Protein backbone atom coordinates (compact mmCIF):
# COMPACT_ATOMS: atom_id res chain seq x y z
CA MET A 1 0.00 0.00 0.00
CA LEU A 2 1.48 3.38 -1.01
CA SER A 3 1.14 6.41 1.21
CA HIS A 4 1.96 10.00 0.25
CA GLY A 5 3.87 12.03 2.84
CA ILE A 6 5.54 15.46 2.68
CA ALA A 7 9.29 15.61 3.27
CA PRO A 8 10.45 18.19 5.84
CA GLY A 9 11.16 21.49 4.16
CA LYS A 10 9.29 20.57 1.00
CA ASP A 11 5.80 21.15 -0.28
CA GLY A 12 3.32 18.66 -1.76
CA ARG A 13 5.27 18.60 -5.07
CA GLY A 14 8.64 18.09 -3.40
CA ASN A 15 9.76 21.71 -4.03
CA PRO A 16 11.64 23.65 -1.32
CA VAL A 17 9.43 25.81 0.90
CA ARG A 18 10.64 29.39 1.25
CA ASP A 19 10.57 30.93 4.68
CA ARG A 20 10.31 34.73 4.51
CA ARG A 21 9.57 36.58 7.74
CA ARG A 22 7.92 33.52 9.31
CA ARG A 23 5.69 33.20 6.24
CA ILE A 24 5.40 29.93 4.36
CA ASP A 25 4.32 30.08 0.75
CA VAL A 26 2.94 26.61 0.08
CA ARG A 27 2.32 26.03 -3.61
CA TRP A 28 0.81 22.61 -4.15
CA ALA A 29 -0.77 20.86 -7.12
CA PRO A 30 -4.53 20.63 -7.59
CA PRO A 31 -5.41 17.82 -5.18
CA PHE A 32 -7.02 15.49 -7.67
CA ALA A 33 -5.11 15.85 -10.91
CA PRO A 34 -5.57 12.73 -13.09
CA ALA A 35 -1.91 11.70 -12.95
CA TRP A 36 -1.80 11.89 -9.13
CA HIS A 37 -5.06 9.93 -8.77
CA SER A 38 -4.10 7.20 -11.26
CA SER A 39 -0.88 6.51 -9.37
CA CYS A 40 -2.93 5.84 -6.26
CA ALA A 41 -5.32 3.57 -8.12
CA GLY A 42 -2.42 1.52 -9.42
CA ALA A 43 -0.96 1.18 -5.95
CA ALA A 44 -3.89 -0.55 -4.30
CA ALA A 45 -6.65 -2.96 -5.22
CA ASP A 46 -9.23 -0.95 -3.25
CA SER A 47 -9.86 2.66 -2.30
CA THR A 48 -7.72 2.59 0.89
CA GLY A 49 -4.66 4.08 -0.80
CA CYS A 50 -6.71 6.88 -2.35
CA MET A 51 -8.33 7.64 1.00
CA ARG A 52 -4.94 8.09 2.63
CA CYS A 53 -3.75 10.41 -0.14
CA ALA A 54 -6.95 12.43 0.02
CA THR A 55 -6.62 12.74 3.82
CA VAL A 56 -3.14 14.22 3.46
CA VAL A 57 -4.42 16.67 0.87
CA LEU A 58 -7.34 17.51 3.13
CA LEU A 59 -4.94 18.61 5.87
CA LEU A 60 -2.60 20.63 3.63
CA PRO A 61 -4.91 23.63 3.13
CA ALA A 62 -5.59 23.81 6.85
CA LEU A 63 -1.84 23.77 7.58
CA ALA A 64 -1.14 26.43 5.02
CA LEU A 65 -4.06 28.52 6.24
CA ALA A 66 -2.84 28.39 9.83
CA GLN A 67 0.64 29.61 8.82
CA GLN A 68 -0.49 32.57 6.71
CA SER A 69 0.01 36.01 8.13
CA PRO A 70 -2.90 38.41 8.66
CA ARG A 71 -1.69 40.38 5.63
CA ASP A 72 -2.75 37.62 3.22
CA ASP A 73 -5.39 38.83 0.84
CA GLU A 74 -8.89 37.48 0.66
CA ALA A 75 -8.25 35.75 -2.68
CA THR A 76 -5.77 33.34 -1.09
CA LEU A 77 -8.24 32.49 1.68
CA ARG A 78 -11.03 31.87 -0.82
CA ARG A 79 -8.75 29.61 -2.90
CA LEU A 80 -7.75 27.49 0.09
CA ARG A 81 -11.32 27.17 1.29
CA ALA A 82 -12.45 26.04 -2.17
CA GLU A 83 -9.71 23.42 -2.28
CA LEU A 84 -10.70 22.23 1.19
CA ARG A 85 -14.29 21.73 0.02
CA ALA A 86 -13.02 19.87 -3.05
CA ALA A 87 -10.97 17.55 -0.84
CA ARG A 88 -14.00 16.79 1.32
CA ASP A 89 -16.10 16.05 -1.76
CA GLU A 90 -13.44 13.68 -3.08
CA LEU A 91 -13.30 11.84 0.24
CA ASP A 92 -17.07 11.35 0.10
CA ARG A 93 -16.81 10.08 -3.48
CA LEU A 94 -14.05 7.62 -2.64
CA GLY A 95 -16.03 6.28 0.29
CA ALA A 96 -18.92 5.48 -2.06
CA ILE A 97 -16.81 3.50 -4.54
CA GLU A 98 -17.62 -0.23 -4.62
CA VAL A 99 -14.59 -2.19 -5.78
CA PRO A 100 -15.63 -5.43 -7.56
CA GLU A 101 -14.34 -8.53 -5.82
CA PRO A 102 -12.17 -10.91 -7.85
CA THR A 103 -13.68 -14.21 -8.93
CA GLN A 104 -13.25 -16.77 -6.17
CA VAL A 105 -12.47 -20.37 -7.06
CA ARG A 106 -12.94 -23.17 -4.56
CA GLY A 107 -12.82 -26.88 -5.01
CA SER A 108 -13.41 -30.22 -3.34
CA LEU A 109 -12.50 -33.80 -4.11
CA GLY A 110 -12.91 -37.19 -2.53
CA VAL A 111 -13.54 -40.89 -2.89
CA ASP A 112 -16.28 -43.09 -1.42
CA PHE A 113 -16.39 -46.85 -0.96
CA THR A 114 -19.61 -48.85 -0.57
CA ASN A 115 -20.78 -52.44 -0.54
CA GLN A 116 -23.70 -51.76 -2.93
CA TYR A 117 -24.52 -49.01 -5.43
CA PHE A 118 -28.10 -47.88 -6.00
CA PHE A 119 -28.88 -44.76 -8.06
CA ARG A 120 -32.15 -43.28 -6.83
CA GLY A 121 -33.23 -46.73 -5.73
CA ILE A 122 -32.27 -48.40 -9.04
CA LEU A 123 -29.74 -51.22 -8.55
CA GLN A 124 -26.40 -50.69 -10.34
CA GLU A 125 -24.04 -53.13 -8.55
CA ASP A 126 -24.13 -55.28 -5.41
CA GLN A 127 -21.01 -57.40 -5.81
CA GLY A 128 -17.29 -56.83 -5.52
CA ALA A 129 -15.42 -53.66 -4.60
CA ILE A 130 -16.97 -50.31 -5.52
CA ALA A 131 -14.97 -47.05 -5.47
CA GLN A 132 -16.48 -43.68 -6.41
CA PRO A 133 -13.97 -40.81 -6.86
CA TRP A 134 -15.20 -37.29 -7.60
CA LEU A 135 -14.01 -33.71 -8.15
CA GLU A 136 -15.88 -30.38 -8.09
CA LEU A 137 -14.87 -26.78 -8.77
CA ASP A 138 -16.99 -23.83 -7.59
CA PHE A 139 -16.59 -20.36 -9.11
CA GLY A 140 -17.95 -17.36 -7.23
CA LEU A 141 -19.42 -15.00 -9.83
CA GLY A 142 -20.47 -12.09 -7.62
CA LYS A 143 -22.28 -10.96 -4.52
CA GLY A 144 -25.52 -10.26 -6.35
CA VAL A 145 -28.07 -7.51 -5.79
CA GLY A 146 -30.78 -7.16 -3.14
CA LEU A 147 -32.28 -10.48 -2.08
CA LEU A 148 -30.13 -12.38 -4.61
CA HIS A 149 -26.55 -12.96 -3.51
CA ASP A 150 -23.52 -15.25 -3.79
CA VAL A 151 -23.95 -16.35 -7.40
CA GLU A 152 -21.95 -19.54 -7.99
CA TRP A 153 -21.14 -21.75 -10.96
CA SER A 154 -20.21 -25.39 -10.27
CA LEU A 155 -18.46 -27.86 -12.56
CA GLY A 156 -17.78 -31.44 -11.54
CA ILE A 157 -17.22 -35.08 -12.41
CA TRP A 158 -18.34 -38.19 -10.49
CA ASN A 159 -17.27 -41.76 -11.24
CA SER A 160 -18.02 -45.33 -10.15
CA LEU A 161 -15.41 -48.08 -10.54
CA HIS A 162 -16.47 -51.74 -10.12
CA ASP A 163 -14.66 -55.04 -10.09
CA GLY A 164 -17.95 -57.00 -9.98
CA PRO A 165 -20.07 -58.14 -12.95
CA THR A 166 -20.73 -54.58 -14.20
CA GLY A 167 -16.99 -53.92 -14.21
CA GLY A 168 -16.19 -56.90 -16.37
CA ALA A 169 -17.25 -55.41 -19.70
CA GLY A 170 -13.67 -54.63 -20.71
CA SER A 171 -13.16 -51.99 -18.02
CA VAL A 172 -13.80 -51.38 -14.32
CA TRP A 173 -14.95 -47.83 -15.19
CA TYR A 174 -18.68 -48.39 -14.99
CA GLU A 175 -19.96 -44.81 -14.78
CA SER A 176 -18.74 -41.26 -15.36
CA ASP A 177 -21.07 -38.33 -14.75
CA VAL A 178 -20.28 -34.76 -15.77
CA TYR A 179 -22.36 -31.94 -14.37
CA SER A 180 -22.53 -28.15 -14.44
CA GLY A 181 -24.83 -25.94 -12.40
CA LEU A 182 -25.63 -22.37 -11.48
CA SER A 183 -26.95 -21.42 -8.04
CA VAL A 184 -27.78 -18.25 -6.13
CA GLY A 185 -28.66 -17.36 -2.56
CA VAL A 186 -32.11 -15.89 -1.93
CA GLY A 187 -32.48 -13.98 1.30
CA GLU A 188 -30.58 -15.20 4.33
CA ARG A 189 -31.19 -18.96 4.20
CA LEU A 190 -32.57 -20.16 0.85
CA ARG A 191 -30.43 -21.29 -2.07
CA VAL A 192 -31.81 -22.27 -5.48
CA GLY A 193 -30.10 -23.62 -8.57
CA VAL A 194 -30.32 -25.39 -11.90
CA GLN A 195 -28.00 -28.18 -13.04
CA TYR A 196 -27.28 -30.22 -16.14
CA THR A 197 -25.96 -33.78 -15.70
CA GLY A 198 -24.81 -36.27 -18.31
CA TYR A 199 -24.67 -39.90 -17.08
CA HIS A 200 -22.28 -41.94 -19.21
CA SER A 201 -20.94 -45.50 -19.03
CA PRO A 202 -17.33 -45.77 -20.30
CA ASN A 203 -17.61 -49.59 -20.45
CA ALA A 204 -21.00 -49.40 -22.22
CA SER A 205 -22.97 -51.03 -19.41
CA PHE A 206 -25.88 -48.61 -19.96
CA GLY A 207 -26.95 -45.96 -22.42
CA THR A 208 -26.19 -42.29 -21.84
CA VAL A 209 -28.81 -40.35 -19.88
CA GLN A 210 -29.06 -36.56 -19.81
CA GLU A 211 -31.15 -34.52 -17.41
CA ILE A 212 -31.79 -30.97 -16.24
CA ALA A 213 -32.66 -30.50 -12.58
CA VAL A 214 -33.83 -27.59 -10.47
CA ASN A 215 -33.16 -27.69 -6.76
CA ALA A 216 -33.56 -25.69 -3.59
CA ALA A 217 -32.07 -25.99 -0.11
CA PHE A 218 -32.98 -24.16 3.08
CA ASP A 219 -30.39 -23.57 5.80
CA ASP A 220 -32.30 -23.61 9.07
CA ALA A 221 -29.23 -23.87 11.30
CA ARG A 222 -29.72 -22.15 14.67
CA LEU A 223 -33.49 -22.20 14.18
CA TRP A 224 -33.70 -25.65 15.77
CA LEU A 225 -31.52 -27.71 18.05
CA GLY A 226 -28.19 -28.70 16.57
CA GLY A 227 -27.72 -27.81 12.91
CA GLY A 228 -31.40 -27.71 11.97
CA LEU A 229 -33.25 -30.04 9.57
CA GLN A 230 -31.56 -28.71 6.38
CA PRO A 231 -34.49 -29.51 4.04
CA SER A 232 -33.94 -29.75 0.27
CA VAL A 233 -35.98 -30.53 -2.85
CA THR A 234 -35.02 -31.63 -6.38
CA LEU A 235 -37.03 -31.84 -9.58
CA ALA A 236 -35.16 -33.56 -12.44
CA PHE A 237 -36.27 -33.83 -16.08
CA GLU A 238 -34.79 -36.45 -18.40
CA VAL A 239 -34.05 -34.91 -21.80
CA ALA A 240 -32.32 -37.92 -23.39
CA GLY A 241 -32.20 -41.57 -22.31
CA GLN A 242 -33.92 -43.14 -19.31
CA ALA A 243 -32.39 -44.10 -15.96
CA ASP A 244 -34.92 -46.95 -15.64
CA ALA A 245 -34.36 -48.08 -19.26
CA GLY A 246 -38.09 -47.52 -19.74
CA ASN A 247 -40.16 -46.37 -22.70
CA GLY A 248 -40.59 -42.66 -21.90
CA LEU A 249 -38.57 -39.75 -20.59
CA GLY A 250 -39.13 -39.48 -16.88
CA ILE A 251 -39.50 -36.74 -14.28
CA PHE A 252 -38.04 -37.36 -10.83
CA ALA A 253 -38.88 -35.58 -7.57
CA GLY A 254 -36.77 -35.86 -4.45
CA VAL A 255 -37.20 -34.36 -0.99
CA GLY A 256 -34.85 -34.72 1.92
CA ILE A 257 -33.68 -33.56 5.30
CA ALA A 258 -30.29 -33.87 6.96
CA PRO A 259 -30.49 -33.01 10.67
CA GLY A 260 -27.11 -32.88 12.32
CA LEU A 261 -25.70 -32.78 15.82
CA PRO A 262 -22.17 -31.59 16.73
CA LEU A 263 -20.45 -33.95 19.15
CA GLY A 264 -17.56 -31.71 20.17
CA SER A 265 -13.88 -31.84 19.29
CA ILE A 266 -10.82 -33.89 19.98
CA GLY A 267 -7.90 -31.56 19.46
CA ASP A 268 -8.32 -30.06 15.98
CA VAL A 269 -10.81 -32.74 14.91
CA ALA A 270 -14.51 -31.78 15.02
CA LEU A 271 -16.94 -34.69 15.41
CA SER A 272 -20.56 -34.69 14.27
CA LEU A 273 -23.49 -37.00 13.63
CA THR A 274 -25.99 -36.59 10.79
CA ALA A 275 -29.24 -38.48 10.12
CA PRO A 276 -30.17 -37.80 6.47
CA VAL A 277 -33.48 -39.01 5.05
CA HIS A 278 -34.28 -38.93 1.30
CA LEU A 279 -37.52 -39.79 -0.45
CA GLY A 280 -37.54 -40.42 -4.22
CA LEU A 281 -40.76 -40.21 -6.27
CA SER A 282 -41.73 -40.50 -9.90
CA VAL A 283 -43.71 -37.55 -11.22
CA HIS A 284 -43.93 -39.16 -14.65
CA ASP A 285 -42.45 -42.42 -16.03
CA TYR A 286 -39.32 -42.36 -13.87
CA PHE A 287 -39.76 -45.70 -12.09
CA GLU A 288 -41.35 -47.83 -14.82
CA ALA A 289 -41.44 -51.56 -14.22
CA PRO A 290 -38.72 -53.57 -16.03
CA GLY A 291 -39.60 -54.05 -19.66
CA GLY A 292 -41.58 -50.81 -19.87
CA GLY A 293 -44.42 -51.65 -17.51
CA ALA A 294 -46.53 -49.39 -15.31
CA ASP A 295 -44.90 -46.44 -13.56
CA ASP A 296 -44.48 -46.69 -9.78
CA THR A 297 -44.83 -43.36 -7.94
CA PHE A 298 -42.84 -44.46 -4.89
CA GLY A 299 -39.25 -45.14 -5.81
CA TYR A 300 -37.29 -45.40 -2.57
CA LEU A 301 -36.76 -44.15 0.96
CA ASP A 302 -33.16 -43.84 2.17
CA THR A 303 -32.62 -43.34 5.92
CA ALA A 304 -29.06 -43.13 7.22
CA LEU A 305 -26.82 -42.36 10.14
CA VAL A 306 -23.48 -40.75 9.23
CA ALA A 307 -20.59 -40.07 11.61
CA SER A 308 -18.09 -37.44 10.46
CA ALA A 309 -14.67 -36.26 11.59
CA ALA A 310 -13.55 -32.92 10.12
CA MET A 311 -9.91 -31.96 10.46
CA GLY A 312 -8.60 -28.41 10.18
CA ARG A 313 -5.87 -27.41 7.77
CA LEU A 314 -2.87 -29.72 7.95
CA SER A 315 0.55 -29.23 6.38
CA THR A 316 -0.95 -29.63 2.89
CA PRO A 317 -2.37 -27.25 0.25
CA MET A 318 -5.85 -28.50 1.20
CA ARG A 319 -7.92 -26.34 3.52
CA SER A 320 -9.53 -29.22 5.39
CA TRP A 321 -10.12 -32.96 5.37
CA GLN A 322 -13.17 -34.96 6.36
CA VAL A 323 -13.82 -38.66 6.96
CA ASP A 324 -17.38 -40.06 6.87
CA LEU A 325 -18.76 -43.45 7.87
CA GLY A 326 -22.41 -44.07 7.06
CA LEU A 327 -24.98 -46.81 7.55
CA HIS A 328 -27.99 -46.67 5.16
CA TRP A 329 -31.28 -48.55 5.15
CA LEU A 330 -32.86 -48.47 1.70
CA LEU A 331 -36.56 -49.22 1.26
CA LEU A 332 -37.54 -49.84 -2.38
CA GLY A 333 -40.75 -49.36 -4.34
CA ASP A 334 -42.35 -52.14 -6.40
CA SER A 335 -40.55 -51.54 -9.70
CA ASN A 336 -37.18 -51.16 -7.99
CA GLN A 337 -37.82 -54.35 -6.00
CA GLN A 338 -38.19 -56.21 -9.29
CA ARG A 339 -34.83 -54.87 -10.46
CA ASN A 340 -33.35 -55.97 -7.13
CA GLY A 341 -34.42 -59.60 -7.41
CA GLY A 342 -37.58 -59.10 -5.36
CA SER A 343 -35.86 -57.72 -2.27
CA GLY A 344 -37.57 -54.62 -0.89
CA GLY A 345 -34.92 -53.53 1.62
CA GLU A 346 -31.13 -53.27 1.58
CA LEU A 347 -28.46 -52.34 4.10
CA LEU A 348 -25.60 -50.24 2.73
CA VAL A 349 -22.31 -49.28 4.36
CA ALA A 350 -20.35 -46.33 2.97
CA PHE A 351 -16.94 -44.90 3.85
CA GLY A 352 -15.58 -41.70 2.35
CA VAL A 353 -12.63 -39.30 2.49
CA SER A 354 -12.91 -35.76 1.10
CA SER A 355 -11.01 -32.50 1.10
CA ARG A 356 -11.57 -28.86 0.21
CA PHE A 357 -9.08 -26.52 -1.43
């Protein structure tokens, strides 16, 4: 940060000050000449540097005025007073400047392991090892205006690697999903967004599915005990392909809550417990019976208990690390039971490691 001072015995331009009979003749440049102001703007990313310069200039006329002798003419006094008013006006203007914030980029990555993989209640794999690595980048686009704030663009990839039957089609890379979404905060607690997702199978185990989803989440932390209920809703529209391999493009609706309870800390490790519940429904042709049969409105109910340990920044470029261990009970609707060999309930165990940067 640059600051503009006045060397002893020199005026605002660096010229010697002449002392004649205890009279100081201070000749200084117009306080806000373009060259002087542009040098300040180049010295700082915000208006702080300019404010300091303007403060110095604000004091110069008063100093010069105090050192003038009574024989000074009225023209000099009027000039100094006018420059003092100009300095005050410039200070007010600088205080009103809003400096745009640079685009913020954040990211997260992780890998999850599970004994079975169901996508929205639809069985994908229940044998062998299953690893699901993922990566997401979040770009802050601005603070927004009024009720709308914190505009964010997200770009990510999610994968599922299998060594069971679905990983034997020439590659263990069963699934790779690419998604991109835009979200914005509304008021203090609501966040809404829209997202495109392309579901692709690198080993050709299923056909590509594309969907566009709208979602909303409400942060009710501190309104209830613990971290609140954290309710969320999703409405997804298939635009190409079908997740259930049915006859028509489907519309999926999901609602969920994720109440959490902090358990305290052990050193720098914060412990918590979360009990998420998700309900998946078919609005239209999303859970058709195998072979293109009737659509089943109820798709699944997923109730879980997840223990988490979040660690503060370690000696790595990552900001934080988190370890999760979850136990899920999955209740399936009729059409999903048929895909699951007639079983209407499944117990899933999931372990994951993630980090933010």
